[in-house]
Amino acid sequence: MDKGIYEEPWFVYIARCGDGSLYVGISNNVERRIYEHNTTDKCRYTRFRKPLVLLHQELCSDYNTARKRENEVKRFSRQKKLALICR
């Protein structure tokens, strides 16, 4: 893989699944990633929870920053994730 993509901006995103649960992920192209969630079975968690609707995205400076923020947000309670979305 080209190491340059890891130095480009990445996004942390929160999506609502068809069952009402919240999914947190990262991507350098959020629209494409939501499309993939809805049209493929690549992600185990969302495979049977379609459709996904994007609720929130945060810009991060690079892949490592996005991964750290993703892990932080994944540990949030549902209430705290919803508060983040409403900001």
Protein backbone atom coordinates (compact mmCIF):
# COMPACT_ATOMS: atom_id res chain seq x y z
CA MET A 1 0.00 0.00 0.00
CA ASP A 2 1.01 3.56 -0.59
CA LYS A 3 2.14 5.04 2.73
CA GLY A 4 0.93 8.43 1.52
CA ILE A 5 -2.70 7.58 2.23
CA TYR A 6 -1.90 7.25 5.92
CA GLU A 7 -0.66 10.83 5.99
CA GLU A 8 -3.76 12.22 4.25
CA PRO A 9 -6.83 13.37 6.18
CA TRP A 10 -9.03 10.60 7.60
CA PHE A 11 -12.45 10.76 9.21
CA VAL A 12 -14.03 9.15 12.24
CA TYR A 13 -17.72 8.53 11.58
CA ILE A 14 -20.80 7.40 13.45
CA ALA A 15 -23.62 5.69 11.59
CA ARG A 16 -27.01 4.47 12.78
CA CYS A 17 -27.69 0.88 11.79
CA GLY A 18 -31.05 -0.48 10.73
CA ASP A 19 -31.54 -2.01 14.19
CA GLY A 20 -30.92 1.37 15.87
CA SER A 21 -27.42 0.58 17.11
CA LEU A 22 -24.56 3.00 16.50
CA TYR A 23 -21.46 2.01 14.52
CA VAL A 24 -18.16 3.90 14.80
CA GLY A 25 -15.51 3.58 12.10
CA ILE A 26 -12.82 5.42 10.18
CA SER A 27 -12.31 6.08 6.49
CA ASN A 28 -10.57 8.44 4.14
CA ASN A 29 -13.78 8.48 2.05
CA VAL A 30 -16.84 8.28 4.31
CA GLU A 31 -19.48 8.35 1.57
CA ARG A 32 -17.84 5.39 -0.18
CA ARG A 33 -17.51 3.52 3.12
CA ILE A 34 -21.19 3.95 4.03
CA TYR A 35 -22.05 2.74 0.52
CA GLU A 36 -19.84 -0.33 1.09
CA HIS A 37 -21.53 -1.04 4.42
CA ASN A 38 -24.92 -0.93 2.70
CA THR A 39 -24.03 -2.96 -0.39
CA THR A 40 -21.41 -5.52 0.72
CA ASP A 41 -20.79 -7.95 3.55
CA LYS A 42 -17.22 -6.74 4.27
CA CYS A 43 -17.98 -5.62 7.82
CA ARG A 44 -19.16 -8.32 10.21
CA TYR A 45 -20.98 -5.95 12.58
CA THR A 46 -23.04 -4.19 9.92
CA ARG A 47 -23.62 -7.24 7.69
CA PHE A 48 -27.07 -7.91 9.15
CA ARG A 49 -27.85 -4.40 10.40
CA LYS A 50 -28.54 -2.59 7.13
CA PRO A 51 -29.23 0.10 6.13
CA LEU A 52 -26.66 2.43 7.67
CA VAL A 53 -27.24 6.16 7.83
CA LEU A 54 -24.36 8.54 8.43
CA LEU A 55 -24.99 10.71 11.50
CA HIS A 56 -21.62 12.30 12.26
CA GLN A 57 -18.09 12.64 10.93
CA GLU A 58 -14.95 14.25 12.33
CA LEU A 59 -11.91 15.24 10.32
CA CYS A 60 -8.57 13.96 11.61
CA SER A 61 -5.16 14.95 10.31
CA ASP A 62 -3.99 11.40 9.50
CA TYR A 63 -4.72 7.69 9.90
CA ASN A 64 -3.09 7.29 13.32
CA THR A 65 -5.00 10.24 14.77
CA ALA A 66 -8.25 8.86 13.34
CA ARG A 67 -7.57 5.38 14.77
CA LYS A 68 -6.91 6.82 18.25
CA ARG A 69 -10.08 8.94 18.11
CA GLU A 70 -12.11 5.95 16.85
CA ASN A 71 -10.99 3.87 19.83
CA GLU A 72 -11.88 6.74 22.16
CA VAL A 73 -15.37 7.22 20.68
CA LYS A 74 -16.05 3.47 20.64
CA ARG A 75 -15.64 3.47 24.43
CA PHE A 76 -18.24 6.25 24.83
CA SER A 77 -21.66 5.33 26.15
CA ARG A 78 -24.54 5.52 23.69
CA GLN A 79 -25.68 8.71 25.40
CA LYS A 80 -22.27 10.32 25.00
CA LYS A 81 -22.12 9.29 21.31
CA LEU A 82 -25.52 10.88 20.73
CA ALA A 83 -24.38 14.05 22.48
CA LEU A 84 -21.36 14.15 20.17
CA ILE A 85 -23.65 13.85 17.15
CA CYS A 86 -25.83 16.73 18.36
CA ARG A 87 -22.93 19.17 18.74
